[in-house]
Amino acid sequence: MFEPERGDAAIGTLALVRLLAARGSLPVVAAGGIMDGRGIRAALELGASAVQMGTAFVLCPESSANAAYREALKGPRAARTALTVTMSGRSARGLPNRMFFDAAAPGVPPLPDYPFVYDATKALQTAALARGNHDFAAQWAGQGAALARELPAAELLRTLVEELRG
């Protein structure tokens, strides 16, 4: 995401990479929705110097993601990620849950800015998790979340390199 308050949130990663590479002189690191070697190749061909992948590694056994996050990423919510400011006060994409919907319900007052929302939601998440409730957890995920693979990190890296070269 670039500058969501200017409407740039609607610009996808690959279009944004191309625009930045064409108009700028700094290296571009593509991030967002890149889940496989084809995505890496596309970003590099459009002018990225590198890619940063997050969601692609959440299902790796080396990840610190908890079991509920892993199960959510393997479930139907992964096909419909959404942008929210409810977790931190800053726009971010994740797996929609009760926190996303309750905070956006009609009649809910506007949320304060970062870091106030972040601090408040961390306390709420901690209290909910202590009771086994994951409805308020921040389960960050990019638009390609449904493509996540459950592989050890080393194997995933080898696979990504093979796909990139493929």
C-alpha atoms as a PDB file:
ATOM      1  CA  MET A   1       0.000   0.000   0.000  1.00  0.00           C
ATOM      2  CA  PHE A   2       1.320   3.421  -0.859  1.00  0.00           C
ATOM      3  CA  GLU A   3      -0.767   6.333   0.453  1.00  0.00           C
ATOM      4  CA  PRO A   4      -4.298   5.078   1.226  1.00  0.00           C
ATOM      5  CA  GLU A   5      -5.561   8.515   2.227  1.00  0.00           C
ATOM      6  CA  ARG A   6      -4.895   9.650  -1.365  1.00  0.00           C
ATOM      7  CA  GLY A   7      -6.781   6.720  -2.878  1.00  0.00           C
ATOM      8  CA  ASP A   8      -3.619   4.794  -3.731  1.00  0.00           C
ATOM      9  CA  ALA A   9      -4.892   1.740  -1.831  1.00  0.00           C
ATOM     10  CA  ALA A  10      -6.729   0.766  -5.000  1.00  0.00           C
ATOM     11  CA  ILE A  11      -3.453   0.451  -6.921  1.00  0.00           C
ATOM     12  CA  GLY A  12      -2.280  -3.156  -7.003  1.00  0.00           C
ATOM     13  CA  THR A  13       1.299  -4.157  -6.268  1.00  0.00           C
ATOM     14  CA  LEU A  14       2.356  -4.793  -9.850  1.00  0.00           C
ATOM     15  CA  ALA A  15       0.903  -1.556 -11.226  1.00  0.00           C
ATOM     16  CA  LEU A  16       2.490   0.375  -8.368  1.00  0.00           C
ATOM     17  CA  VAL A  17       5.876  -1.281  -8.984  1.00  0.00           C
ATOM     18  CA  ARG A  18       5.741  -0.296 -12.647  1.00  0.00           C
ATOM     19  CA  LEU A  19       4.774   3.301 -11.836  1.00  0.00           C
ATOM     20  CA  LEU A  20       7.498   3.696  -9.214  1.00  0.00           C
ATOM     21  CA  ALA A  21      10.181   2.065 -11.363  1.00  0.00           C
ATOM     22  CA  ALA A  22       9.264   4.226 -14.365  1.00  0.00           C
ATOM     23  CA  ARG A  23       9.092   7.507 -12.452  1.00  0.00           C
ATOM     24  CA  GLY A  24      11.716   7.119  -9.750  1.00  0.00           C
ATOM     25  CA  SER A  25      15.413   6.526  -9.371  1.00  0.00           C
ATOM     26  CA  LEU A  26      15.442   4.600  -6.092  1.00  0.00           C
ATOM     27  CA  PRO A  27      15.318   0.788  -5.887  1.00  0.00           C
ATOM     28  CA  VAL A  28      11.783  -0.582  -5.616  1.00  0.00           C
ATOM     29  CA  VAL A  29      11.005  -3.476  -3.267  1.00  0.00           C
ATOM     30  CA  ALA A  30       7.699  -5.064  -4.279  1.00  0.00           C
ATOM     31  CA  ALA A  31       5.474  -6.295  -1.453  1.00  0.00           C
ATOM     32  CA  GLY A  32       1.876  -7.423  -1.310  1.00  0.00           C
ATOM     33  CA  GLY A  33       0.222 -10.465  -2.826  1.00  0.00           C
ATOM     34  CA  ILE A  34       3.447 -12.078  -4.061  1.00  0.00           C
ATOM     35  CA  MET A  35       3.130 -15.762  -3.216  1.00  0.00           C
ATOM     36  CA  ASP A  36       5.098 -17.729  -5.807  1.00  0.00           C
ATOM     37  CA  GLY A  37       7.903 -17.617  -8.345  1.00  0.00           C
ATOM     38  CA  ARG A  38       5.636 -16.262 -11.051  1.00  0.00           C
ATOM     39  CA  GLY A  39       4.749 -13.306  -8.823  1.00  0.00           C
ATOM     40  CA  ILE A  40       8.428 -12.717  -8.079  1.00  0.00           C
ATOM     41  CA  ARG A  41       9.264 -12.836 -11.793  1.00  0.00           C
ATOM     42  CA  ALA A  42       6.441 -10.432 -12.655  1.00  0.00           C
ATOM     43  CA  ALA A  43       7.593  -7.906 -10.054  1.00  0.00           C
ATOM     44  CA  LEU A  44      11.215  -8.112 -11.222  1.00  0.00           C
ATOM     45  CA  GLU A  45      10.220  -7.798 -14.882  1.00  0.00           C
ATOM     46  CA  LEU A  46       8.185  -4.681 -14.045  1.00  0.00           C
ATOM     47  CA  GLY A  47      11.174  -2.991 -12.452  1.00  0.00           C
ATOM     48  CA  ALA A  48      11.407  -4.165  -8.846  1.00  0.00           C
ATOM     49  CA  SER A  49      14.911  -4.656  -7.482  1.00  0.00           C
ATOM     50  CA  ALA A  50      13.665  -7.185  -4.940  1.00  0.00           C
ATOM     51  CA  VAL A  51      10.491  -8.576  -3.386  1.00  0.00           C
ATOM     52  CA  GLN A  52       9.371  -8.901   0.208  1.00  0.00           C
ATOM     53  CA  MET A  53       7.085 -11.819   1.010  1.00  0.00           C
ATOM     54  CA  GLY A  54       5.192 -12.167   4.268  1.00  0.00           C
ATOM     55  CA  THR A  55       2.002 -14.202   4.000  1.00  0.00           C
ATOM     56  CA  ALA A  56       3.793 -16.807   1.871  1.00  0.00           C
ATOM     57  CA  PHE A  57       5.775 -17.828   4.973  1.00  0.00           C
ATOM     58  CA  VAL A  58       3.036 -17.813   7.643  1.00  0.00           C
ATOM     59  CA  LEU A  59       2.256 -21.531   7.208  1.00  0.00           C
ATOM     60  CA  CYS A  60       5.915 -22.564   7.458  1.00  0.00           C
ATOM     61  CA  PRO A  61       6.534 -24.539  10.664  1.00  0.00           C
ATOM     62  CA  GLU A  62       9.272 -22.022  11.535  1.00  0.00           C
ATOM     63  CA  SER A  63       6.708 -19.194  11.644  1.00  0.00           C
ATOM     64  CA  SER A  64       5.625 -17.904  15.047  1.00  0.00           C
ATOM     65  CA  ALA A  65       1.990 -17.743  13.874  1.00  0.00           C
ATOM     66  CA  ASN A  66      -0.372 -19.440  16.319  1.00  0.00           C
ATOM     67  CA  ALA A  67      -2.602 -22.386  15.398  1.00  0.00           C
ATOM     68  CA  ALA A  68      -5.723 -20.223  14.985  1.00  0.00           C
ATOM     69  CA  TYR A  69      -3.931 -17.910  12.537  1.00  0.00           C
ATOM     70  CA  ARG A  70      -2.652 -20.901  10.562  1.00  0.00           C
ATOM     71  CA  GLU A  71      -6.114 -22.486  10.394  1.00  0.00           C
ATOM     72  CA  ALA A  72      -7.698 -19.193   9.346  1.00  0.00           C
ATOM     73  CA  LEU A  73      -5.118 -18.831   6.573  1.00  0.00           C
ATOM     74  CA  LYS A  74      -6.003 -22.325   5.318  1.00  0.00           C
ATOM     75  CA  GLY A  75      -9.743 -21.563   5.417  1.00  0.00           C
ATOM     76  CA  PRO A  76     -12.225 -19.639   3.264  1.00  0.00           C
ATOM     77  CA  ARG A  77     -11.408 -16.226   4.790  1.00  0.00           C
ATOM     78  CA  ALA A  78      -8.036 -16.346   3.005  1.00  0.00           C
ATOM     79  CA  ALA A  79      -9.831 -15.844  -0.309  1.00  0.00           C
ATOM     80  CA  ARG A  80     -11.292 -12.510   0.845  1.00  0.00           C
ATOM     81  CA  THR A  81      -8.741 -10.404   2.671  1.00  0.00           C
ATOM     82  CA  ALA A  82      -9.737  -6.850   3.548  1.00  0.00           C
ATOM     83  CA  LEU A  83      -8.201  -3.517   4.444  1.00  0.00           C
ATOM     84  CA  THR A  84      -8.807  -2.192   7.939  1.00  0.00           C
ATOM     85  CA  VAL A  85      -7.583   0.527  10.284  1.00  0.00           C
ATOM     86  CA  THR A  86      -9.239  -1.124  13.291  1.00  0.00           C
ATOM     87  CA  MET A  87      -6.175  -3.013  14.505  1.00  0.00           C
ATOM     88  CA  SER A  88      -3.601  -0.244  14.585  1.00  0.00           C
ATOM     89  CA  GLY A  89      -5.033   3.013  13.330  1.00  0.00           C
ATOM     90  CA  ARG A  90      -3.106   2.502  10.086  1.00  0.00           C
ATOM     91  CA  SER A  91      -4.446   0.809   7.002  1.00  0.00           C
ATOM     92  CA  ALA A  92      -3.401  -2.833   6.691  1.00  0.00           C
ATOM     93  CA  ARG A  93      -4.728  -5.975   4.995  1.00  0.00           C
ATOM     94  CA  GLY A  94      -5.752  -9.082   6.870  1.00  0.00           C
ATOM     95  CA  LEU A  95      -8.173 -11.959   7.287  1.00  0.00           C
ATOM     96  CA  PRO A  96     -11.528 -10.413   8.215  1.00  0.00           C
ATOM     97  CA  ASN A  97     -12.848 -11.272  11.662  1.00  0.00           C
ATOM     98  CA  ARG A  98     -15.230  -9.868  14.251  1.00  0.00           C
ATOM     99  CA  MET A  99     -12.894  -6.953  14.987  1.00  0.00           C
ATOM    100  CA  PHE A 100     -12.997  -5.855  11.327  1.00  0.00           C
ATOM    101  CA  PHE A 101     -16.791  -5.935  11.215  1.00  0.00           C
ATOM    102  CA  ASP A 102     -17.667  -4.566  14.662  1.00  0.00           C
ATOM    103  CA  ALA A 103     -15.423  -1.530  14.298  1.00  0.00           C
ATOM    104  CA  ALA A 104     -16.893  -0.725  10.880  1.00  0.00           C
ATOM    105  CA  ALA A 105     -20.540  -1.166  11.912  1.00  0.00           C
ATOM    106  CA  PRO A 106     -22.961   1.727  11.429  1.00  0.00           C
ATOM    107  CA  GLY A 107     -23.009   4.111  14.375  1.00  0.00           C
ATOM    108  CA  VAL A 108     -19.539   3.226  15.636  1.00  0.00           C
ATOM    109  CA  PRO A 109     -17.633   6.450  16.334  1.00  0.00           C
ATOM    110  CA  PRO A 110     -14.440   7.145  14.381  1.00  0.00           C
ATOM    111  CA  LEU A 111     -11.349   5.457  15.746  1.00  0.00           C
ATOM    112  CA  PRO A 112      -8.476   7.546  17.105  1.00  0.00           C
ATOM    113  CA  ASP A 113      -5.201   7.560  15.196  1.00  0.00           C
ATOM    114  CA  TYR A 114      -2.135   5.406  15.707  1.00  0.00           C
ATOM    115  CA  PRO A 115      -0.753   4.608  18.297  1.00  0.00           C
ATOM    116  CA  PHE A 116      -3.907   4.885  20.439  1.00  0.00           C
ATOM    117  CA  VAL A 117      -5.887   2.279  18.479  1.00  0.00           C
ATOM    118  CA  TYR A 118      -2.882  -0.028  18.368  1.00  0.00           C
ATOM    119  CA  ASP A 119      -2.411   0.085  22.139  1.00  0.00           C
ATOM    120  CA  ALA A 120      -6.129  -0.436  22.810  1.00  0.00           C
ATOM    121  CA  THR A 121      -6.502  -3.341  20.395  1.00  0.00           C
ATOM    122  CA  LYS A 122      -3.365  -5.045  21.729  1.00  0.00           C
ATOM    123  CA  ALA A 123      -4.964  -5.032  25.187  1.00  0.00           C
ATOM    124  CA  LEU A 124      -8.258  -6.337  23.748  1.00  0.00           C
ATOM    125  CA  GLN A 125      -6.471  -9.060  21.774  1.00  0.00           C
ATOM    126  CA  THR A 126      -4.467 -10.149  24.812  1.00  0.00           C
ATOM    127  CA  ALA A 127      -7.609 -10.389  26.959  1.00  0.00           C
ATOM    128  CA  ALA A 128      -9.515 -12.264  24.241  1.00  0.00           C
ATOM    129  CA  LEU A 129      -6.652 -14.705  23.579  1.00  0.00           C
ATOM    130  CA  ALA A 130      -6.389 -15.442  27.311  1.00  0.00           C
ATOM    131  CA  ARG A 131      -9.968 -16.725  27.010  1.00  0.00           C
ATOM    132  CA  GLY A 132      -9.266 -18.686  23.815  1.00  0.00           C
ATOM    133  CA  ASN A 133     -11.103 -16.146  21.644  1.00  0.00           C
ATOM    134  CA  HIS A 134      -9.400 -15.345  18.329  1.00  0.00           C
ATOM    135  CA  ASP A 135     -12.182 -13.093  16.974  1.00  0.00           C
ATOM    136  CA  PHE A 136     -10.129  -9.978  17.711  1.00  0.00           C
ATOM    137  CA  ALA A 137      -6.701 -11.210  16.612  1.00  0.00           C
ATOM    138  CA  ALA A 138      -4.671  -9.415  13.968  1.00  0.00           C
ATOM    139  CA  GLN A 139      -4.242 -12.061  11.292  1.00  0.00           C
ATOM    140  CA  TRP A 140      -2.397 -10.090   8.634  1.00  0.00           C
ATOM    141  CA  ALA A 141      -2.532 -11.497   5.119  1.00  0.00           C
ATOM    142  CA  GLY A 142      -2.016 -10.217   1.597  1.00  0.00           C
ATOM    143  CA  GLN A 143      -4.330 -10.575  -1.370  1.00  0.00           C
ATOM    144  CA  GLY A 144      -2.663 -13.825  -2.416  1.00  0.00           C
ATOM    145  CA  ALA A 145      -3.324 -15.450   0.977  1.00  0.00           C
ATOM    146  CA  ALA A 146      -5.301 -18.330  -0.503  1.00  0.00           C
ATOM    147  CA  LEU A 147      -2.092 -19.406  -2.288  1.00  0.00           C
ATOM    148  CA  ALA A 148      -0.140 -19.949   0.961  1.00  0.00           C
ATOM    149  CA  ARG A 149       1.675 -23.285   1.125  1.00  0.00           C
ATOM    150  CA  GLU A 150       2.404 -25.355   4.208  1.00  0.00           C
ATOM    151  CA  LEU A 151       6.085 -26.126   3.660  1.00  0.00           C
ATOM    152  CA  PRO A 152       9.254 -25.796   5.717  1.00  0.00           C
ATOM    153  CA  ALA A 153      10.875 -22.429   4.970  1.00  0.00           C
ATOM    154  CA  ALA A 154      13.921 -23.956   3.244  1.00  0.00           C
ATOM    155  CA  GLU A 155      11.684 -26.041   0.985  1.00  0.00           C
ATOM    156  CA  LEU A 156       9.484 -23.044   0.213  1.00  0.00           C
ATOM    157  CA  LEU A 157      12.566 -21.004  -0.719  1.00  0.00           C
ATOM    158  CA  ARG A 158      13.827 -23.800  -3.005  1.00  0.00           C
ATOM    159  CA  THR A 159      10.377 -24.009  -4.595  1.00  0.00           C
ATOM    160  CA  LEU A 160      10.224 -20.240  -5.116  1.00  0.00           C
ATOM    161  CA  VAL A 161      13.648 -20.262  -6.804  1.00  0.00           C
ATOM    162  CA  GLU A 162      12.617 -23.175  -9.062  1.00  0.00           C
ATOM    163  CA  GLU A 163       9.379 -21.389  -9.976  1.00  0.00           C
ATOM    164  CA  LEU A 164      11.245 -18.149 -10.637  1.00  0.00           C
ATOM    165  CA  ARG A 165      13.689 -19.903 -12.953  1.00  0.00           C
ATOM    166  CA  GLY A 166      10.927 -22.038 -14.508  1.00  0.00           C
END
